[in-house]
Amino acid sequence: MSKPRIKTYDRIILESLKLFNEQGERNITTNHIAAHLGISPGNLYYHFRNKEEIVYQIFLMYRDFINERLAVPEARDMTVADLVNYLDTAFLAMWQFRFMFYDLPGMLARSPQLQSEYHQFVNTELKGILGEHFREFIRLGLLKMDEEDIEPVSINIWLVVKFWFAFEQTSRPKSPITEASGHRGVRQVMALLKPYVQPDFMAAFQQLQQRHAGH
């Protein structure tokens, strides 16, 4: 049985994401996207009025990915492995949607709708997810941290994750950015968390640190 054909609307979003990641959003026009897909510009404009609408839909994909994949499990207690898996997932999201963070201020300036939704996501949804994670890890005794430290440490982690691939581009200009870059980012965030890891969990934490050092 053959796979169902992807609708043109969805193809535009998925292929635009690929082009933006590979060549940069600023370098790609709607004409480039249409030519890449083998459709007419008019067909593309039937689905999207401009490039900003495509970027906005890609942002919604990113937001859904984060909300679904980083949700705290309800049926069981979390472990040190969960902490590292969440970091892996965060960097995977950044890798899959990396173009968004190379020129985020420019994209936000060009799209008031994206700017509003992005700030809502970061200041409400993402902040809530990170805070929930920290409080759960503290409850389980994995981390020891004062309540007033949760938000600034969360922001530090978000800054590393958000700008990691851009940092890699500038610090390794002759090396292509790959998923392995994300593993280096995970190690960086683990270094931020290490002072808060409790002795009973330190051996497992260090073992996972070593595992990522191999990438």
C-alpha atoms as a PDB file:
ATOM      1  CA  MET A   1       0.000   0.000   0.000  1.00  0.00           C
ATOM      2  CA  SER A   2       1.505   3.321  -1.082  1.00  0.00           C
ATOM      3  CA  LYS A   3       2.022   6.132   1.381  1.00  0.00           C
ATOM      4  CA  PRO A   4      -0.508   8.967   1.210  1.00  0.00           C
ATOM      5  CA  ARG A   5       0.784  12.022  -0.605  1.00  0.00           C
ATOM      6  CA  ILE A   6       1.753  14.962   1.572  1.00  0.00           C
ATOM      7  CA  LYS A   7      -0.470  17.965   0.959  1.00  0.00           C
ATOM      8  CA  THR A   8       1.117  20.904  -0.835  1.00  0.00           C
ATOM      9  CA  TYR A   9       0.585  23.101   2.247  1.00  0.00           C
ATOM     10  CA  ASP A  10       2.602  20.713   4.420  1.00  0.00           C
ATOM     11  CA  ARG A  11       5.248  20.180   1.732  1.00  0.00           C
ATOM     12  CA  ILE A  12       5.830  23.936   1.559  1.00  0.00           C
ATOM     13  CA  ILE A  13       6.402  24.085   5.319  1.00  0.00           C
ATOM     14  CA  LEU A  14       8.686  21.036   5.483  1.00  0.00           C
ATOM     15  CA  GLU A  15      10.810  21.932   2.455  1.00  0.00           C
ATOM     16  CA  SER A  16      11.052  25.569   3.538  1.00  0.00           C
ATOM     17  CA  LEU A  17      12.383  24.399   6.896  1.00  0.00           C
ATOM     18  CA  LYS A  18      15.015  22.339   5.080  1.00  0.00           C
ATOM     19  CA  LEU A  19      16.040  25.241   2.833  1.00  0.00           C
ATOM     20  CA  PHE A  20      16.133  27.746   5.705  1.00  0.00           C
ATOM     21  CA  ASN A  21      18.326  25.421   7.765  1.00  0.00           C
ATOM     22  CA  GLU A  22      20.716  24.739   4.908  1.00  0.00           C
ATOM     23  CA  GLN A  23      20.999  28.220   3.376  1.00  0.00           C
ATOM     24  CA  GLY A  24      19.609  30.666   5.936  1.00  0.00           C
ATOM     25  CA  GLU A  25      16.136  32.180   5.972  1.00  0.00           C
ATOM     26  CA  ARG A  26      17.296  35.551   4.639  1.00  0.00           C
ATOM     27  CA  ASN A  27      18.814  33.899   1.548  1.00  0.00           C
ATOM     28  CA  ILE A  28      15.630  32.061   0.568  1.00  0.00           C
ATOM     29  CA  THR A  29      12.683  33.743  -1.168  1.00  0.00           C
ATOM     30  CA  THR A  30       9.226  32.413  -1.928  1.00  0.00           C
ATOM     31  CA  ASN A  31      10.387  32.003  -5.549  1.00  0.00           C
ATOM     32  CA  HIS A  32      13.249  29.774  -4.357  1.00  0.00           C
ATOM     33  CA  ILE A  33      10.793  27.676  -2.356  1.00  0.00           C
ATOM     34  CA  ALA A  34       8.370  27.345  -5.269  1.00  0.00           C
ATOM     35  CA  ALA A  35      11.164  26.362  -7.669  1.00  0.00           C
ATOM     36  CA  HIS A  36      12.527  23.825  -5.161  1.00  0.00           C
ATOM     37  CA  LEU A  37       9.079  22.240  -4.876  1.00  0.00           C
ATOM     38  CA  GLY A  38       8.404  22.360  -8.616  1.00  0.00           C
ATOM     39  CA  ILE A  39       5.263  24.460  -8.183  1.00  0.00           C
ATOM     40  CA  SER A  40       4.326  27.895  -9.469  1.00  0.00           C
ATOM     41  CA  PRO A  41       4.697  30.964  -7.254  1.00  0.00           C
ATOM     42  CA  GLY A  42       0.936  31.409  -7.607  1.00  0.00           C
ATOM     43  CA  ASN A  43       0.367  27.950  -6.133  1.00  0.00           C
ATOM     44  CA  LEU A  44       2.554  28.835  -3.175  1.00  0.00           C
ATOM     45  CA  TYR A  45       0.744  32.162  -2.667  1.00  0.00           C
ATOM     46  CA  TYR A  46      -2.564  30.285  -2.674  1.00  0.00           C
ATOM     47  CA  HIS A  47      -1.404  28.699   0.613  1.00  0.00           C
ATOM     48  CA  PHE A  48       0.784  31.468   2.084  1.00  0.00           C
ATOM     49  CA  ARG A  49       0.645  35.205   1.454  1.00  0.00           C
ATOM     50  CA  ASN A  50       4.358  35.664   2.163  1.00  0.00           C
ATOM     51  CA  LYS A  51       7.465  34.040   3.610  1.00  0.00           C
ATOM     52  CA  GLU A  52       6.697  35.321   7.103  1.00  0.00           C
ATOM     53  CA  GLU A  53       3.564  33.155   7.210  1.00  0.00           C
ATOM     54  CA  ILE A  54       5.680  30.084   6.414  1.00  0.00           C
ATOM     55  CA  VAL A  55       8.186  30.988   9.139  1.00  0.00           C
ATOM     56  CA  TYR A  56       5.306  31.408  11.594  1.00  0.00           C
ATOM     57  CA  GLN A  57       3.970  27.917  10.844  1.00  0.00           C
ATOM     58  CA  ILE A  58       7.464  26.480  11.347  1.00  0.00           C
ATOM     59  CA  PHE A  59       7.620  28.240  14.722  1.00  0.00           C
ATOM     60  CA  LEU A  60       4.326  26.564  15.686  1.00  0.00           C
ATOM     61  CA  MET A  61       5.915  23.202  14.800  1.00  0.00           C
ATOM     62  CA  TYR A  62       8.877  24.047  17.049  1.00  0.00           C
ATOM     63  CA  ARG A  63       6.604  25.115  19.914  1.00  0.00           C
ATOM     64  CA  ASP A  64       4.553  21.930  19.677  1.00  0.00           C
ATOM     65  CA  PHE A  65       7.728  19.821  19.572  1.00  0.00           C
ATOM     66  CA  ILE A  66       9.016  21.442  22.769  1.00  0.00           C
ATOM     67  CA  ASN A  67       5.696  21.225  24.616  1.00  0.00           C
ATOM     68  CA  GLU A  68       5.165  17.577  23.696  1.00  0.00           C
ATOM     69  CA  ARG A  69       8.682  16.230  24.071  1.00  0.00           C
ATOM     70  CA  LEU A  70       9.660  18.106  27.230  1.00  0.00           C
ATOM     71  CA  ALA A  71       6.490  17.457  29.203  1.00  0.00           C
ATOM     72  CA  VAL A  72       7.090  16.051  32.698  1.00  0.00           C
ATOM     73  CA  PRO A  73       5.848  12.412  32.834  1.00  0.00           C
ATOM     74  CA  GLU A  74       2.813  11.949  35.070  1.00  0.00           C
ATOM     75  CA  ALA A  75       2.882   8.179  35.552  1.00  0.00           C
ATOM     76  CA  ARG A  76       6.351   7.786  37.099  1.00  0.00           C
ATOM     77  CA  ASP A  77       9.150   9.546  38.939  1.00  0.00           C
ATOM     78  CA  MET A  78      11.910  11.135  36.894  1.00  0.00           C
ATOM     79  CA  THR A  79      15.560  10.024  36.921  1.00  0.00           C
ATOM     80  CA  VAL A  80      19.005  11.418  36.120  1.00  0.00           C
ATOM     81  CA  ALA A  81      18.635   9.840  32.672  1.00  0.00           C
ATOM     82  CA  ASP A  82      15.442  11.863  32.162  1.00  0.00           C
ATOM     83  CA  LEU A  83      17.349  15.055  32.924  1.00  0.00           C
ATOM     84  CA  VAL A  84      19.940  14.281  30.254  1.00  0.00           C
ATOM     85  CA  ASN A  85      17.285  13.056  27.803  1.00  0.00           C
ATOM     86  CA  TYR A  86      15.487  16.381  28.180  1.00  0.00           C
ATOM     87  CA  LEU A  87      18.708  18.209  27.381  1.00  0.00           C
ATOM     88  CA  ASP A  88      19.225  15.984  24.334  1.00  0.00           C
ATOM     89  CA  THR A  89      15.678  16.770  23.218  1.00  0.00           C
ATOM     90  CA  ALA A  90      16.169  20.515  23.687  1.00  0.00           C
ATOM     91  CA  PHE A  91      19.296  20.486  21.518  1.00  0.00           C
ATOM     92  CA  LEU A  92      17.589  18.223  18.964  1.00  0.00           C
ATOM     93  CA  ALA A  93      14.832  20.814  18.677  1.00  0.00           C
ATOM     94  CA  MET A  94      17.421  23.545  18.174  1.00  0.00           C
ATOM     95  CA  TRP A  95      19.146  21.426  15.522  1.00  0.00           C
ATOM     96  CA  GLN A  96      15.932  20.684  13.617  1.00  0.00           C
ATOM     97  CA  PHE A  97      14.814  24.340  13.717  1.00  0.00           C
ATOM     98  CA  ARG A  98      18.255  25.971  13.881  1.00  0.00           C
ATOM     99  CA  PHE A  99      17.653  28.668  11.253  1.00  0.00           C
ATOM    100  CA  MET A 100      15.204  30.364  13.635  1.00  0.00           C
ATOM    101  CA  PHE A 101      17.969  31.212  16.080  1.00  0.00           C
ATOM    102  CA  TYR A 102      20.602  32.518  13.662  1.00  0.00           C
ATOM    103  CA  ASP A 103      18.635  35.731  13.009  1.00  0.00           C
ATOM    104  CA  LEU A 104      15.835  35.609  15.548  1.00  0.00           C
ATOM    105  CA  PRO A 105      15.717  39.406  16.192  1.00  0.00           C
ATOM    106  CA  GLY A 106      15.383  40.043  12.455  1.00  0.00           C
ATOM    107  CA  MET A 107      12.591  37.498  12.015  1.00  0.00           C
ATOM    108  CA  LEU A 108      10.711  38.841  15.031  1.00  0.00           C
ATOM    109  CA  ALA A 109      11.025  42.396  13.709  1.00  0.00           C
ATOM    110  CA  ARG A 110       9.546  41.360  10.356  1.00  0.00           C
ATOM    111  CA  SER A 111       6.572  39.510  11.865  1.00  0.00           C
ATOM    112  CA  PRO A 112       4.549  41.094  14.700  1.00  0.00           C
ATOM    113  CA  GLN A 113       2.513  37.890  14.994  1.00  0.00           C
ATOM    114  CA  LEU A 114       5.645  35.755  15.427  1.00  0.00           C
ATOM    115  CA  GLN A 115       7.093  38.279  17.877  1.00  0.00           C
ATOM    116  CA  SER A 116       3.977  38.149  20.069  1.00  0.00           C
ATOM    117  CA  GLU A 117       3.683  34.362  19.998  1.00  0.00           C
ATOM    118  CA  TYR A 118       7.412  33.792  20.552  1.00  0.00           C
ATOM    119  CA  HIS A 119       7.519  36.013  23.648  1.00  0.00           C
ATOM    120  CA  GLN A 120       4.379  34.338  24.962  1.00  0.00           C
ATOM    121  CA  PHE A 121       6.008  30.930  24.457  1.00  0.00           C
ATOM    122  CA  VAL A 122       9.316  31.852  26.134  1.00  0.00           C
ATOM    123  CA  ASN A 123       7.903  33.872  29.036  1.00  0.00           C
ATOM    124  CA  THR A 124       4.984  31.576  29.855  1.00  0.00           C
ATOM    125  CA  GLU A 125       5.120  28.066  28.365  1.00  0.00           C
ATOM    126  CA  LEU A 126       8.872  27.451  28.311  1.00  0.00           C
ATOM    127  CA  LYS A 127       9.419  29.143  31.662  1.00  0.00           C
ATOM    128  CA  GLY A 128       6.699  26.934  33.134  1.00  0.00           C
ATOM    129  CA  ILE A 129       8.165  23.746  31.652  1.00  0.00           C
ATOM    130  CA  LEU A 130      11.658  24.463  32.983  1.00  0.00           C
ATOM    131  CA  GLY A 131      10.360  25.433  36.410  1.00  0.00           C
ATOM    132  CA  GLU A 132       8.287  22.244  36.599  1.00  0.00           C
ATOM    133  CA  HIS A 133      11.345  20.160  35.722  1.00  0.00           C
ATOM    134  CA  PHE A 134      13.507  21.779  38.380  1.00  0.00           C
ATOM    135  CA  ARG A 135      10.866  21.444  41.085  1.00  0.00           C
ATOM    136  CA  GLU A 136      10.361  17.770  40.248  1.00  0.00           C
ATOM    137  CA  PHE A 137      14.094  17.045  40.321  1.00  0.00           C
ATOM    138  CA  ILE A 138      14.353  18.910  43.633  1.00  0.00           C
ATOM    139  CA  ARG A 139      11.397  16.941  45.037  1.00  0.00           C
ATOM    140  CA  LEU A 140      13.101  13.680  44.084  1.00  0.00           C
ATOM    141  CA  GLY A 141      16.332  14.746  45.788  1.00  0.00           C
ATOM    142  CA  LEU A 142      18.329  14.744  42.557  1.00  0.00           C
ATOM    143  CA  LEU A 143      19.021  18.475  42.738  1.00  0.00           C
ATOM    144  CA  LYS A 144      19.347  20.782  45.718  1.00  0.00           C
ATOM    145  CA  MET A 145      18.418  24.336  44.822  1.00  0.00           C
ATOM    146  CA  ASP A 146      16.700  27.270  46.472  1.00  0.00           C
ATOM    147  CA  GLU A 147      13.411  28.404  44.931  1.00  0.00           C
ATOM    148  CA  GLU A 148      14.887  31.802  44.035  1.00  0.00           C
ATOM    149  CA  ASP A 149      17.667  30.095  42.040  1.00  0.00           C
ATOM    150  CA  ILE A 150      15.302  28.181  39.748  1.00  0.00           C
ATOM    151  CA  GLU A 151      14.498  31.052  37.384  1.00  0.00           C
ATOM    152  CA  PRO A 152      18.054  32.419  36.881  1.00  0.00           C
ATOM    153  CA  VAL A 153      19.487  28.914  36.384  1.00  0.00           C
ATOM    154  CA  SER A 154      16.650  28.161  33.933  1.00  0.00           C
ATOM    155  CA  ILE A 155      17.510  31.318  31.999  1.00  0.00           C
ATOM    156  CA  ASN A 156      21.201  30.360  31.901  1.00  0.00           C
ATOM    157  CA  ILE A 157      20.295  26.962  30.472  1.00  0.00           C
ATOM    158  CA  TRP A 158      17.951  28.521  27.908  1.00  0.00           C
ATOM    159  CA  LEU A 159      20.674  30.953  26.811  1.00  0.00           C
ATOM    160  CA  VAL A 160      23.161  28.122  26.244  1.00  0.00           C
ATOM    161  CA  VAL A 161      20.637  26.007  24.341  1.00  0.00           C
ATOM    162  CA  LYS A 162      19.277  28.910  22.288  1.00  0.00           C
ATOM    163  CA  PHE A 163      22.639  30.262  21.130  1.00  0.00           C
ATOM    164  CA  TRP A 164      24.681  27.059  21.102  1.00  0.00           C
ATOM    165  CA  PHE A 165      24.729  26.381  17.361  1.00  0.00           C
ATOM    166  CA  ALA A 166      25.517  30.035  16.614  1.00  0.00           C
ATOM    167  CA  PHE A 167      28.376  29.798  19.126  1.00  0.00           C
ATOM    168  CA  GLU A 168      29.627  26.629  17.436  1.00  0.00           C
ATOM    169  CA  GLN A 169      29.562  28.388  14.063  1.00  0.00           C
ATOM    170  CA  THR A 170      31.801  31.186  15.307  1.00  0.00           C
ATOM    171  CA  SER A 171      34.130  29.053  17.460  1.00  0.00           C
ATOM    172  CA  ARG A 172      34.579  26.350  14.789  1.00  0.00           C
ATOM    173  CA  PRO A 173      34.265  28.313  11.514  1.00  0.00           C
ATOM    174  CA  LYS A 174      35.938  25.597   9.425  1.00  0.00           C
ATOM    175  CA  SER A 175      33.874  22.728  10.823  1.00  0.00           C
ATOM    176  CA  PRO A 176      30.314  22.049   9.627  1.00  0.00           C
ATOM    177  CA  ILE A 177      27.592  22.232  12.267  1.00  0.00           C
ATOM    178  CA  THR A 178      26.231  18.760  12.958  1.00  0.00           C
ATOM    179  CA  GLU A 179      24.125  16.985  15.551  1.00  0.00           C
ATOM    180  CA  ALA A 180      27.375  16.230  17.392  1.00  0.00           C
ATOM    181  CA  SER A 181      27.529  19.943  18.151  1.00  0.00           C
ATOM    182  CA  GLY A 182      24.417  19.393  20.247  1.00  0.00           C
ATOM    183  CA  HIS A 183      26.179  16.784  22.375  1.00  0.00           C
ATOM    184  CA  ARG A 184      28.826  19.373  23.229  1.00  0.00           C
ATOM    185  CA  GLY A 185      26.012  21.691  24.213  1.00  0.00           C
ATOM    186  CA  VAL A 186      24.507  19.051  26.496  1.00  0.00           C
ATOM    187  CA  ARG A 187      27.857  18.728  28.269  1.00  0.00           C
ATOM    188  CA  GLN A 188      27.959  22.499  28.702  1.00  0.00           C
ATOM    189  CA  VAL A 189      24.536  22.562  30.355  1.00  0.00           C
ATOM    190  CA  MET A 190      25.433  19.569  32.531  1.00  0.00           C
ATOM    191  CA  ALA A 191      28.385  21.584  33.818  1.00  0.00           C
ATOM    192  CA  LEU A 192      25.925  24.310  34.862  1.00  0.00           C
ATOM    193  CA  LEU A 193      23.821  21.759  36.737  1.00  0.00           C
ATOM    194  CA  LYS A 194      26.614  19.773  38.375  1.00  0.00           C
ATOM    195  CA  PRO A 195      26.960  22.009  41.481  1.00  0.00           C
ATOM    196  CA  TYR A 196      23.306  21.273  42.301  1.00  0.00           C
ATOM    197  CA  VAL A 197      23.449  17.466  41.870  1.00  0.00           C
ATOM    198  CA  GLN A 198      23.189  15.619  45.189  1.00  0.00           C
ATOM    199  CA  PRO A 199      25.801  13.011  46.272  1.00  0.00           C
ATOM    200  CA  ASP A 200      23.463  10.007  45.908  1.00  0.00           C
ATOM    201  CA  PHE A 201      22.996  10.843  42.218  1.00  0.00           C
ATOM    202  CA  MET A 202      26.469  12.121  41.370  1.00  0.00           C
ATOM    203  CA  ALA A 203      27.867   8.776  40.127  1.00  0.00           C
ATOM    204  CA  ALA A 204      25.000   8.344  37.646  1.00  0.00           C
ATOM    205  CA  PHE A 205      25.294  11.992  36.581  1.00  0.00           C
ATOM    206  CA  GLN A 206      29.025  11.694  35.932  1.00  0.00           C
ATOM    207  CA  GLN A 207      28.499   8.465  34.001  1.00  0.00           C
ATOM    208  CA  LEU A 208      26.117  10.273  31.670  1.00  0.00           C
ATOM    209  CA  GLN A 209      28.611  13.132  31.364  1.00  0.00           C
ATOM    210  CA  GLN A 210      31.238  10.651  30.210  1.00  0.00           C
ATOM    211  CA  ARG A 211      28.846   9.115  27.715  1.00  0.00           C
ATOM    212  CA  HIS A 212      28.321  12.493  26.075  1.00  0.00           C
ATOM    213  CA  ALA A 213      32.050  13.174  26.133  1.00  0.00           C
ATOM    214  CA  GLY A 214      32.401  10.326  23.651  1.00  0.00           C
ATOM    215  CA  HIS A 215      30.435  12.155  20.954  1.00  0.00           C
END
